[in-house]
């Protein structure tokens, strides 16, 4: 999909096309309820994936056998969200912070 920027003369009459800009496609993957829950948990941003795990599953303890499995599951979703342009990751020391993009904010609702 593309859009055009009109070109104007000195009297502000449209006389043609100044530029053509490609528009990025919206993600075509369906965002399921569980994925929306993850996006909602990210909210204004999280400091680390571990924080996201604990936010979504407070009954899991960090030293339990279930924690790495849940962390891996969330990492998989976050990788897909990043490809779709829904989140941005930022390395902060040993942690990876996650925040929603504008598109992510729209789709979390």
PDB file of N, CA and C in Angstrom:
ATOM      1  N   UNK A   1       0.838  -1.156   0.000  1.00  0.00           N
ATOM      2  CA  UNK A   1       0.000   0.000   0.000  1.00  0.00           C
ATOM      3  C   UNK A   1       0.901   1.242   0.000  1.00  0.00           C
ATOM      4  N   UNK A   2       0.458   2.249  -0.703  1.00  0.00           N
ATOM      5  CA  UNK A   2       1.224   3.494  -0.783  1.00  0.00           C
ATOM      6  C   UNK A   2       0.290   4.683  -0.599  1.00  0.00           C
ATOM      7  N   UNK A   3       0.869   5.821  -0.324  1.00  0.00           N
ATOM      8  CA  UNK A   3       0.126   7.078  -0.294  1.00  0.00           C
ATOM      9  C   UNK A   3       0.968   8.120  -1.022  1.00  0.00           C
ATOM     10  N   UNK A   4       0.311   9.166  -1.480  1.00  0.00           N
ATOM     11  CA  UNK A   4       1.011  10.210  -2.233  1.00  0.00           C
ATOM     12  C   UNK A   4       0.925  11.539  -1.492  1.00  0.00           C
ATOM     13  N   UNK A   5       2.011  12.294  -1.569  1.00  0.00           N
ATOM     14  CA  UNK A   5       2.053  13.659  -1.042  1.00  0.00           C
ATOM     15  C   UNK A   5       1.820  14.584  -2.239  1.00  0.00           C
ATOM     16  N   UNK A   6       0.757  15.394  -2.172  1.00  0.00           N
ATOM     17  CA  UNK A   6       0.474  16.273  -3.311  1.00  0.00           C
ATOM     18  C   UNK A   6       1.523  17.378  -3.482  1.00  0.00           C
ATOM     19  N   UNK A   7       1.679  17.811  -4.712  1.00  0.00           N
ATOM     20  CA  UNK A   7       2.572  18.926  -5.028  1.00  0.00           C
ATOM     21  C   UNK A   7       1.689  20.133  -5.340  1.00  0.00           C
ATOM     22  N   UNK A   8       2.075  21.307  -4.812  1.00  0.00           N
ATOM     23  CA  UNK A   8       1.284  22.524  -4.987  1.00  0.00           C
ATOM     24  C   UNK A   8       2.103  23.598  -5.696  1.00  0.00           C
ATOM     25  N   UNK A   9       1.400  24.472  -6.426  1.00  0.00           N
ATOM     26  CA  UNK A   9       2.078  25.616  -7.039  1.00  0.00           C
ATOM     27  C   UNK A   9       2.078  26.782  -6.048  1.00  0.00           C
ATOM     28  N   UNK A  10       2.527  27.944  -6.480  1.00  0.00           N
ATOM     29  CA  UNK A  10       2.646  29.109  -5.602  1.00  0.00           C
ATOM     30  C   UNK A  10       1.298  29.637  -5.137  1.00  0.00           C
ATOM     31  N   UNK A  11       0.218  29.287  -5.851  1.00  0.00           N
ATOM     32  CA  UNK A  11      -1.128  29.729  -5.468  1.00  0.00           C
ATOM     33  C   UNK A  11      -1.865  28.661  -4.668  1.00  0.00           C
ATOM     34  N   UNK A  12      -1.145  27.653  -4.195  1.00  0.00           N
ATOM     35  CA  UNK A  12      -1.699  26.541  -3.419  1.00  0.00           C
ATOM     36  C   UNK A  12      -2.682  25.690  -4.210  1.00  0.00           C
ATOM     37  N   UNK A  13      -2.482  25.639  -5.524  1.00  0.00           N
ATOM     38  CA  UNK A  13      -3.274  24.732  -6.348  1.00  0.00           C
ATOM     39  C   UNK A  13      -2.526  23.410  -6.474  1.00  0.00           C
ATOM     40  N   UNK A  14      -3.231  22.316  -6.322  1.00  0.00           N
ATOM     41  CA  UNK A  14      -2.597  21.011  -6.458  1.00  0.00           C
ATOM     42  C   UNK A  14      -2.245  20.794  -7.930  1.00  0.00           C
ATOM     43  N   UNK A  15      -0.975  20.479  -8.199  1.00  0.00           N
ATOM     44  CA  UNK A  15      -0.527  20.346  -9.584  1.00  0.00           C
ATOM     45  C   UNK A  15       0.079  18.977  -9.894  1.00  0.00           C
ATOM     46  N   UNK A  16       0.088  18.105  -8.913  1.00  0.00           N
ATOM     47  CA  UNK A  16       0.661  16.786  -9.159  1.00  0.00           C
ATOM     48  C   UNK A  16       1.054  16.108  -7.869  1.00  0.00           C
ATOM     49  N   UNK A  17       2.031  15.219  -8.014  1.00  0.00           N
ATOM     50  CA  UNK A  17       2.472  14.434  -6.863  1.00  0.00           C
ATOM     51  C   UNK A  17       3.909  14.817  -6.510  1.00  0.00           C
ATOM     52  N   UNK A  18       4.109  15.181  -5.257  1.00  0.00           N
ATOM     53  CA  UNK A  18       5.437  15.539  -4.737  1.00  0.00           C
ATOM     54  C   UNK A  18       6.256  14.279  -4.452  1.00  0.00           C
ATOM     55  N   UNK A  19       5.619  13.317  -3.778  1.00  0.00           N
ATOM     56  CA  UNK A  19       6.337  12.122  -3.362  1.00  0.00           C
ATOM     57  C   UNK A  19       5.345  10.988  -3.150  1.00  0.00           C
ATOM     58  N   UNK A  20       5.808   9.764  -3.304  1.00  0.00           N
ATOM     59  CA  UNK A  20       5.012   8.575  -3.020  1.00  0.00           C
ATOM     60  C   UNK A  20       5.683   7.858  -1.857  1.00  0.00           C
ATOM     61  N   UNK A  21       4.880   7.534  -0.850  1.00  0.00           N
ATOM     62  CA  UNK A  21       5.411   6.924   0.363  1.00  0.00           C
ATOM     63  C   UNK A  21       4.768   5.556   0.571  1.00  0.00           C
ATOM     64  N   UNK A  22       5.592   4.516   0.732  1.00  0.00           N
ATOM     65  CA  UNK A  22       5.012   3.205   1.050  1.00  0.00           C
ATOM     66  C   UNK A  22       4.530   3.187   2.502  1.00  0.00           C
ATOM     67  N   UNK A  23       3.369   2.608   2.729  1.00  0.00           N
ATOM     68  CA  UNK A  23       2.827   2.481   4.076  1.00  0.00           C
ATOM     69  C   UNK A  23       3.121   1.079   4.588  1.00  0.00           C
ATOM     70  N   UNK A  24       3.588   0.954   5.822  1.00  0.00           N
ATOM     71  CA  UNK A  24       3.853  -0.383   6.348  1.00  0.00           C
ATOM     72  C   UNK A  24       2.535  -1.133   6.546  1.00  0.00           C
ATOM     73  N   UNK A  25       2.547  -2.418   6.281  1.00  0.00           N
ATOM     74  CA  UNK A  25       1.323  -3.188   6.469  1.00  0.00           C
ATOM     75  C   UNK A  25       1.045  -3.416   7.945  1.00  0.00           C
ATOM     76  N   UNK A  26      -0.217  -3.502   8.284  1.00  0.00           N
ATOM     77  CA  UNK A  26      -0.576  -3.892   9.639  1.00  0.00           C
ATOM     78  C   UNK A  26      -0.300  -5.376   9.789  1.00  0.00           C
ATOM     79  N   UNK A  27      -0.023  -5.833  11.002  1.00  0.00           N
ATOM     80  CA  UNK A  27       0.225  -7.262  11.168  1.00  0.00           C
ATOM     81  C   UNK A  27      -1.016  -8.045  10.769  1.00  0.00           C
ATOM     82  N   UNK A  28      -0.797  -9.100  10.022  1.00  0.00           N
ATOM     83  CA  UNK A  28      -1.918  -9.899   9.557  1.00  0.00           C
ATOM     84  C   UNK A  28      -2.256 -11.033  10.517  1.00  0.00           C
ATOM     85  N   UNK A  29      -1.348 -11.317  11.445  1.00  0.00           N
ATOM     86  CA  UNK A  29      -1.621 -12.361  12.421  1.00  0.00           C
ATOM     87  C   UNK A  29      -2.736 -11.910  13.345  1.00  0.00           C
ATOM     88  N   UNK A  30      -3.597 -12.850  13.691  1.00  0.00           N
ATOM     89  CA  UNK A  30      -4.673 -12.566  14.624  1.00  0.00           C
ATOM     90  C   UNK A  30      -4.078 -12.523  16.031  1.00  0.00           C
ATOM     91  N   UNK A  31      -4.409 -11.497  16.775  1.00  0.00           N
ATOM     92  CA  UNK A  31      -3.958 -11.384  18.154  1.00  0.00           C
ATOM     93  C   UNK A  31      -5.005 -12.074  19.020  1.00  0.00           C
ATOM     94  N   UNK A  32      -4.601 -13.171  19.647  1.00  0.00           N
ATOM     95  CA  UNK A  32      -5.524 -13.959  20.459  1.00  0.00           C
ATOM     96  C   UNK A  32      -5.636 -13.375  21.864  1.00  0.00           C
ATOM     97  N   UNK A  33      -6.607 -13.877  22.608  1.00  0.00           N
ATOM     98  CA  UNK A  33      -6.878 -13.380  23.955  1.00  0.00           C
ATOM     99  C   UNK A  33      -5.651 -13.470  24.852  1.00  0.00           C
ATOM    100  N   UNK A  34      -4.949 -14.595  24.840  1.00  0.00           N
ATOM    101  CA  UNK A  34      -3.752 -14.754  25.660  1.00  0.00           C
ATOM    102  C   UNK A  34      -2.667 -13.771  25.281  1.00  0.00           C
ATOM    103  N   UNK A  35      -2.543 -13.498  23.986  1.00  0.00           N
ATOM    104  CA  UNK A  35      -1.545 -12.540  23.519  1.00  0.00           C
ATOM    105  C   UNK A  35      -1.928 -11.115  23.920  1.00  0.00           C
ATOM    106  N   UNK A  36      -3.223 -10.808  23.884  1.00  0.00           N
ATOM    107  CA  UNK A  36      -3.678  -9.487  24.346  1.00  0.00           C
ATOM    108  C   UNK A  36      -3.379  -9.307  25.831  1.00  0.00           C
ATOM    109  N   UNK A  37      -3.491 -10.393  26.570  1.00  0.00           N
ATOM    110  CA  UNK A  37      -3.187 -10.361  28.005  1.00  0.00           C
ATOM    111  C   UNK A  37      -1.710 -10.015  28.215  1.00  0.00           C
ATOM    112  N   UNK A  38      -0.840 -10.571  27.383  1.00  0.00           N
ATOM    113  CA  UNK A  38       0.589 -10.250  27.477  1.00  0.00           C
ATOM    114  C   UNK A  38       0.817  -8.780  27.145  1.00  0.00           C
ATOM    115  N   UNK A  39       0.205  -8.304  26.066  1.00  0.00           N
ATOM    116  CA  UNK A  39       0.354  -6.890  25.691  1.00  0.00           C
ATOM    117  C   UNK A  39      -0.160  -5.979  26.795  1.00  0.00           C
ATOM    118  N   UNK A  40      -1.291  -6.347  27.406  1.00  0.00           N
ATOM    119  CA  UNK A  40      -1.848  -5.543  28.496  1.00  0.00           C
ATOM    120  C   UNK A  40      -0.898  -5.537  29.693  1.00  0.00           C
ATOM    121  N   UNK A  41      -0.258  -6.676  29.974  1.00  0.00           N
ATOM    122  CA  UNK A  41       0.672  -6.756  31.106  1.00  0.00           C
ATOM    123  C   UNK A  41       1.918  -5.903  30.864  1.00  0.00           C
ATOM    124  N   UNK A  42       2.306  -5.745  29.611  1.00  0.00           N
ATOM    125  CA  UNK A  42       3.454  -4.886  29.293  1.00  0.00           C
ATOM    126  C   UNK A  42       3.095  -3.440  29.609  1.00  0.00           C
ATOM    127  N   UNK A  43       1.852  -3.067  29.297  1.00  0.00           N
ATOM    128  CA  UNK A  43       1.346  -1.738  29.647  1.00  0.00           C
ATOM    129  C   UNK A  43       2.302  -0.628  29.284  1.00  0.00           C
ATOM    130  N   UNK A  44       2.745   0.126  30.284  1.00  0.00           N
ATOM    131  CA  UNK A  44       3.663   1.255  30.084  1.00  0.00           C
ATOM    132  C   UNK A  44       5.109   0.795  29.922  1.00  0.00           C
ATOM    133  N   UNK A  45       5.319  -0.508  30.014  1.00  0.00           N
ATOM    134  CA  UNK A  45       6.653  -1.068  29.859  1.00  0.00           C
ATOM    135  C   UNK A  45       7.024  -1.923  31.061  1.00  0.00           C
ATOM    136  N   UNK A  46       7.908  -2.878  30.841  1.00  0.00           N
ATOM    137  CA  UNK A  46       8.437  -3.718  31.922  1.00  0.00           C
ATOM    138  C   UNK A  46       9.959  -3.656  31.868  1.00  0.00           C
ATOM    139  N   UNK A  47      10.571  -3.795  33.025  1.00  0.00           N
ATOM    140  CA  UNK A  47      12.025  -3.688  33.128  1.00  0.00           C
ATOM    141  C   UNK A  47      12.740  -4.936  32.631  1.00  0.00           C
ATOM    142  N   UNK A  48      12.055  -6.091  32.691  1.00  0.00           N
ATOM    143  CA  UNK A  48      12.688  -7.336  32.269  1.00  0.00           C
ATOM    144  C   UNK A  48      11.622  -8.366  31.928  1.00  0.00           C
ATOM    145  N   UNK A  49      12.030  -9.390  31.205  1.00  0.00           N
ATOM    146  CA  UNK A  49      11.120 -10.486  30.880  1.00  0.00           C
ATOM    147  C   UNK A  49      10.740 -11.221  32.158  1.00  0.00           C
ATOM    148  N   UNK A  50      11.658 -11.337  33.100  1.00  0.00           N
ATOM    149  CA  UNK A  50      11.341 -11.968  34.389  1.00  0.00           C
ATOM    150  C   UNK A  50      10.203 -11.226  35.087  1.00  0.00           C
ATOM    151  N   UNK A  51      10.241  -9.896  35.058  1.00  0.00           N
ATOM    152  CA  UNK A  51       9.163  -9.107  35.660  1.00  0.00           C
ATOM    153  C   UNK A  51       7.838  -9.403  34.971  1.00  0.00           C
ATOM    154  N   UNK A  52       7.871  -9.579  33.663  1.00  0.00           N
ATOM    155  CA  UNK A  52       6.658  -9.893  32.914  1.00  0.00           C
ATOM    156  C   UNK A  52       6.124 -11.267  33.315  1.00  0.00           C
ATOM    157  N   UNK A  53       7.013 -12.240  33.458  1.00  0.00           N
ATOM    158  CA  UNK A  53       6.607 -13.584  33.893  1.00  0.00           C
ATOM    159  C   UNK A  53       5.909 -13.489  35.243  1.00  0.00           C
ATOM    160  N   UNK A  54       6.517 -12.800  36.183  1.00  0.00           N
ATOM    161  CA  UNK A  54       5.957 -12.692  37.532  1.00  0.00           C
ATOM    162  C   UNK A  54       4.651 -11.908  37.554  1.00  0.00           C
ATOM    163  N   UNK A  55       4.524 -10.935  36.662  1.00  0.00           N
ATOM    164  CA  UNK A  55       3.291 -10.160  36.565  1.00  0.00           C
ATOM    165  C   UNK A  55       2.132 -11.011  36.040  1.00  0.00           C
ATOM    166  N   UNK A  56       2.420 -11.826  35.033  1.00  0.00           N
ATOM    167  CA  UNK A  56       1.369 -12.645  34.416  1.00  0.00           C
ATOM    168  C   UNK A  56       1.039 -13.900  35.219  1.00  0.00           C
ATOM    169  N   UNK A  57       2.031 -14.436  35.900  1.00  0.00           N
ATOM    170  CA  UNK A  57       1.833 -15.677  36.662  1.00  0.00           C
ATOM    171  C   UNK A  57       2.436 -15.523  38.052  1.00  0.00           C
ATOM    172  N   UNK A  58       1.773 -14.774  38.923  1.00  0.00           N
ATOM    173  CA  UNK A  58       2.338 -14.502  40.237  1.00  0.00           C
ATOM    174  C   UNK A  58       2.497 -15.746  41.112  1.00  0.00           C
ATOM    175  N   UNK A  59       1.817 -16.837  40.766  1.00  0.00           N
ATOM    176  CA  UNK A  59       1.932 -18.064  41.557  1.00  0.00           C
ATOM    177  C   UNK A  59       3.219 -18.835  41.254  1.00  0.00           C
ATOM    178  N   UNK A  60       3.921 -18.482  40.165  1.00  0.00           N
ATOM    179  CA  UNK A  60       5.186 -19.142  39.827  1.00  0.00           C
ATOM    180  C   UNK A  60       6.325 -18.444  40.559  1.00  0.00           C
ATOM    181  N   UNK A  61       7.142 -19.241  41.222  1.00  0.00           N
ATOM    182  CA  UNK A  61       8.315 -18.705  41.915  1.00  0.00           C
ATOM    183  C   UNK A  61       9.511 -18.736  40.965  1.00  0.00           C
ATOM    184  N   UNK A  62      10.379 -17.758  41.098  1.00  0.00           N
ATOM    185  CA  UNK A  62      11.515 -17.618  40.188  1.00  0.00           C
ATOM    186  C   UNK A  62      12.444 -18.837  40.213  1.00  0.00           C
ATOM    187  N   UNK A  63      12.540 -19.532  41.331  1.00  0.00           N
ATOM    188  CA  UNK A  63      13.420 -20.691  41.429  1.00  0.00           C
ATOM    189  C   UNK A  63      12.712 -22.016  41.136  1.00  0.00           C
ATOM    190  N   UNK A  64      11.464 -21.946  40.642  1.00  0.00           N
ATOM    191  CA  UNK A  64      10.717 -23.178  40.352  1.00  0.00           C
ATOM    192  C   UNK A  64      11.079 -23.716  38.973  1.00  0.00           C
ATOM    193  N   UNK A  65      10.715 -24.982  38.721  1.00  0.00           N
ATOM    194  CA  UNK A  65      10.945 -25.600  37.407  1.00  0.00           C
ATOM    195  C   UNK A  65      10.050 -24.978  36.333  1.00  0.00           C
ATOM    196  N   UNK A  66       8.897 -24.444  36.733  1.00  0.00           N
ATOM    197  CA  UNK A  66       7.958 -23.869  35.773  1.00  0.00           C
ATOM    198  C   UNK A  66       8.407 -22.504  35.247  1.00  0.00           C
ATOM    199  N   UNK A  67       9.223 -21.801  36.021  1.00  0.00           N
ATOM    200  CA  UNK A  67       9.617 -20.441  35.643  1.00  0.00           C
ATOM    201  C   UNK A  67      10.337 -20.383  34.294  1.00  0.00           C
ATOM    202  N   UNK A  68      11.382 -21.215  34.046  1.00  0.00           N
ATOM    203  CA  UNK A  68      12.061 -21.129  32.743  1.00  0.00           C
ATOM    204  C   UNK A  68      11.153 -21.484  31.566  1.00  0.00           C
ATOM    205  N   UNK A  69      10.209 -22.392  31.798  1.00  0.00           N
ATOM    206  CA  UNK A  69       9.269 -22.766  30.736  1.00  0.00           C
ATOM    207  C   UNK A  69       8.373 -21.580  30.378  1.00  0.00           C
ATOM    208  N   UNK A  70       7.863 -20.917  31.410  1.00  0.00           N
ATOM    209  CA  UNK A  70       7.008 -19.748  31.177  1.00  0.00           C
ATOM    210  C   UNK A  70       7.798 -18.604  30.553  1.00  0.00           C
ATOM    211  N   UNK A  71       9.029 -18.428  30.985  1.00  0.00           N
ATOM    212  CA  UNK A  71       9.893 -17.380  30.421  1.00  0.00           C
ATOM    213  C   UNK A  71      10.150 -17.646  28.941  1.00  0.00           C
ATOM    214  N   UNK A  72      10.385 -18.904  28.592  1.00  0.00           N
ATOM    215  CA  UNK A  72      10.608 -19.286  27.196  1.00  0.00           C
ATOM    216  C   UNK A  72       9.360 -19.027  26.356  1.00  0.00           C
ATOM    217  N   UNK A  73       8.183 -19.369  26.910  1.00  0.00           N
ATOM    218  CA  UNK A  73       6.919 -19.141  26.194  1.00  0.00           C
ATOM    219  C   UNK A  73       6.722 -17.651  25.920  1.00  0.00           C
ATOM    220  N   UNK A  74       6.967 -16.832  26.930  1.00  0.00           N
ATOM    221  CA  UNK A  74       6.814 -15.385  26.752  1.00  0.00           C
ATOM    222  C   UNK A  74       7.842 -14.832  25.781  1.00  0.00           C
ATOM    223  N   UNK A  75       9.063 -15.323  25.846  1.00  0.00           N
ATOM    224  CA  UNK A  75      10.102 -14.875  24.906  1.00  0.00           C
ATOM    225  C   UNK A  75       9.696 -15.159  23.470  1.00  0.00           C
ATOM    226  N   UNK A  76       9.075 -16.306  23.244  1.00  0.00           N
ATOM    227  CA  UNK A  76       8.582 -16.664  21.907  1.00  0.00           C
ATOM    228  C   UNK A  76       7.542 -15.642  21.442  1.00  0.00           C
ATOM    229  N   UNK A  77       6.575 -15.317  22.311  1.00  0.00           N
ATOM    230  CA  UNK A  77       5.550 -14.333  21.951  1.00  0.00           C
ATOM    231  C   UNK A  77       6.174 -12.958  21.709  1.00  0.00           C
ATOM    232  N   UNK A  78       7.113 -12.573  22.560  1.00  0.00           N
ATOM    233  CA  UNK A  78       7.751 -11.261  22.410  1.00  0.00           C
ATOM    234  C   UNK A  78       8.518 -11.164  21.096  1.00  0.00           C
ATOM    235  N   UNK A  79       9.157 -12.246  20.689  1.00  0.00           N
ATOM    236  CA  UNK A  79       9.865 -12.252  19.409  1.00  0.00           C
ATOM    237  C   UNK A  79       8.883 -12.009  18.263  1.00  0.00           C
ATOM    238  N   UNK A  80       7.735 -12.677  18.323  1.00  0.00           N
ATOM    239  CA  UNK A  80       6.713 -12.476  17.288  1.00  0.00           C
ATOM    240  C   UNK A  80       6.126 -11.075  17.345  1.00  0.00           C
ATOM    241  N   UNK A  81       5.885 -10.565  18.558  1.00  0.00           N
ATOM    242  CA  UNK A  81       5.365  -9.204  18.696  1.00  0.00           C
ATOM    243  C   UNK A  81       6.333  -8.184  18.110  1.00  0.00           C
ATOM    244  N   UNK A  82       7.630  -8.420  18.324  1.00  0.00           N
ATOM    245  CA  UNK A  82       8.636  -7.499  17.786  1.00  0.00           C
ATOM    246  C   UNK A  82       8.625  -7.522  16.262  1.00  0.00           C
ATOM    247  N   UNK A  83       8.494  -8.709  15.669  1.00  0.00           N
ATOM    248  CA  UNK A  83       8.425  -8.813  14.205  1.00  0.00           C
ATOM    249  C   UNK A  83       7.200  -8.099  13.650  1.00  0.00           C
ATOM    250  N   UNK A  84       6.093  -8.130  14.400  1.00  0.00           N
ATOM    251  CA  UNK A  84       4.859  -7.473  13.961  1.00  0.00           C
ATOM    252  C   UNK A  84       4.867  -5.980  14.243  1.00  0.00           C
ATOM    253  N   UNK A  85       5.906  -5.491  14.936  1.00  0.00           N
ATOM    254  CA  UNK A  85       5.981  -4.060  15.238  1.00  0.00           C
ATOM    255  C   UNK A  85       5.141  -3.639  16.430  1.00  0.00           C
ATOM    256  N   UNK A  86       4.813  -4.590  17.325  1.00  0.00           N
ATOM    257  CA  UNK A  86       3.969  -4.276  18.474  1.00  0.00           C
ATOM    258  C   UNK A  86       4.765  -3.861  19.704  1.00  0.00           C
ATOM    259  N   UNK A  87       6.030  -4.289  19.779  1.00  0.00           N
ATOM    260  CA  UNK A  87       6.865  -3.950  20.926  1.00  0.00           C
ATOM    261  C   UNK A  87       8.249  -3.531  20.469  1.00  0.00           C
ATOM    262  N   UNK A  88       8.955  -2.884  21.382  1.00  0.00           N
ATOM    263  CA  UNK A  88      10.373  -2.572  21.206  1.00  0.00           C
ATOM    264  C   UNK A  88      11.094  -3.117  22.429  1.00  0.00           C
ATOM    265  N   UNK A  89      12.254  -3.711  22.204  1.00  0.00           N
ATOM    266  CA  UNK A  89      13.077  -4.209  23.304  1.00  0.00           C
ATOM    267  C   UNK A  89      14.263  -3.279  23.479  1.00  0.00           C
ATOM    268  N   UNK A  90      14.678  -3.120  24.736  1.00  0.00           N
ATOM    269  CA  UNK A  90      15.828  -2.269  25.035  1.00  0.00           C
ATOM    270  C   UNK A  90      16.686  -2.961  26.088  1.00  0.00           C
ATOM    271  N   UNK A  91      17.937  -3.195  25.744  1.00  0.00           N
ATOM    272  CA  UNK A  91      18.865  -3.841  26.675  1.00  0.00           C
ATOM    273  C   UNK A  91      19.235  -2.859  27.781  1.00  0.00           C
ATOM    274  N   UNK A  92      19.051  -3.289  29.029  1.00  0.00           N
ATOM    275  CA  UNK A  92      19.379  -2.465  30.199  1.00  0.00           C
ATOM    276  C   UNK A  92      20.232  -3.310  31.122  1.00  0.00           C
ATOM    277  N   UNK A  93      21.537  -3.235  30.943  1.00  0.00           N
ATOM    278  CA  UNK A  93      22.435  -4.082  31.727  1.00  0.00           C
ATOM    279  C   UNK A  93      22.251  -5.533  31.328  1.00  0.00           C
ATOM    280  N   UNK A  94      21.936  -6.379  32.303  1.00  0.00           N
ATOM    281  CA  UNK A  94      21.697  -7.791  32.021  1.00  0.00           C
ATOM    282  C   UNK A  94      20.260  -8.054  31.601  1.00  0.00           C
ATOM    283  N   UNK A  95      19.396  -7.088  31.789  1.00  0.00           N
ATOM    284  CA  UNK A  95      17.974  -7.255  31.496  1.00  0.00           C
ATOM    285  C   UNK A  95      17.604  -6.690  30.135  1.00  0.00           C
ATOM    286  N   UNK A  96      16.473  -7.151  29.644  1.00  0.00           N
ATOM    287  CA  UNK A  96      15.901  -6.627  28.411  1.00  0.00           C
ATOM    288  C   UNK A  96      14.545  -6.035  28.759  1.00  0.00           C
ATOM    289  N   UNK A  97      14.437  -4.708  28.692  1.00  0.00           N
ATOM    290  CA  UNK A  97      13.169  -4.037  28.927  1.00  0.00           C
ATOM    291  C   UNK A  97      12.291  -4.141  27.684  1.00  0.00           C
ATOM    292  N   UNK A  98      10.997  -4.092  27.897  1.00  0.00           N
ATOM    293  CA  UNK A  98      10.041  -4.214  26.799  1.00  0.00           C
ATOM    294  C   UNK A  98       9.008  -3.108  26.941  1.00  0.00           C
ATOM    295  N   UNK A  99       8.712  -2.438  25.816  1.00  0.00           N
ATOM    296  CA  UNK A  99       7.635  -1.441  25.817  1.00  0.00           C
ATOM    297  C   UNK A  99       6.831  -1.578  24.538  1.00  0.00           C
ATOM    298  N   UNK A 100       5.592  -1.154  24.610  1.00  0.00           N
ATOM    299  CA  UNK A 100       4.706  -1.223  23.454  1.00  0.00           C
ATOM    300  C   UNK A 100       4.994  -0.087  22.481  1.00  0.00           C
ATOM    301  N   UNK A 101       4.853  -0.374  21.208  1.00  0.00           N
ATOM    302  CA  UNK A 101       4.867   0.672  20.192  1.00  0.00           C
ATOM    303  C   UNK A 101       3.461   1.263  20.137  1.00  0.00           C
ATOM    304  N   UNK A 102       3.258   2.287  19.350  1.00  0.00           N
ATOM    305  CA  UNK A 102       1.911   2.865  19.196  1.00  0.00           C
ATOM    306  C   UNK A 102       0.933   1.809  18.662  1.00  0.00           C
ATOM    307  N   UNK A 103       1.395   0.986  17.721  1.00  0.00           N
ATOM    308  CA  UNK A 103       0.546  -0.069  17.186  1.00  0.00           C
ATOM    309  C   UNK A 103       0.225  -1.091  18.274  1.00  0.00           C
ATOM    310  N   UNK A 104       1.203  -1.434  19.095  1.00  0.00           N
ATOM    311  CA  UNK A 104       0.972  -2.348  20.206  1.00  0.00           C
ATOM    312  C   UNK A 104      -0.056  -1.806  21.187  1.00  0.00           C
ATOM    313  N   UNK A 105       0.022  -0.502  21.437  1.00  0.00           N
ATOM    314  CA  UNK A 105      -0.956   0.117  22.333  1.00  0.00           C
ATOM    315  C   UNK A 105      -2.368   0.000  21.774  1.00  0.00           C
ATOM    316  N   UNK A 106      -2.503   0.149  20.473  1.00  0.00           N
ATOM    317  CA  UNK A 106      -3.819   0.026  19.843  1.00  0.00           C
ATOM    318  C   UNK A 106      -4.361  -1.393  19.915  1.00  0.00           C
ATOM    319  N   UNK A 107      -3.491  -2.368  19.720  1.00  0.00           N
ATOM    320  CA  UNK A 107      -3.946  -3.758  19.643  1.00  0.00           C
ATOM    321  C   UNK A 107      -4.098  -4.426  21.000  1.00  0.00           C
ATOM    322  N   UNK A 108      -3.609  -3.822  22.051  1.00  0.00           N
ATOM    323  CA  UNK A 108      -3.756  -4.445  23.370  1.00  0.00           C
ATOM    324  C   UNK A 108      -5.164  -4.291  23.906  1.00  0.00           C
ATOM    325  N   UNK A 109      -5.926  -3.380  23.355  1.00  0.00           N
ATOM    326  CA  UNK A 109      -7.278  -3.107  23.861  1.00  0.00           C
ATOM    327  C   UNK A 109      -8.255  -4.203  23.503  1.00  0.00           C
TER     328      UNK A 109
END
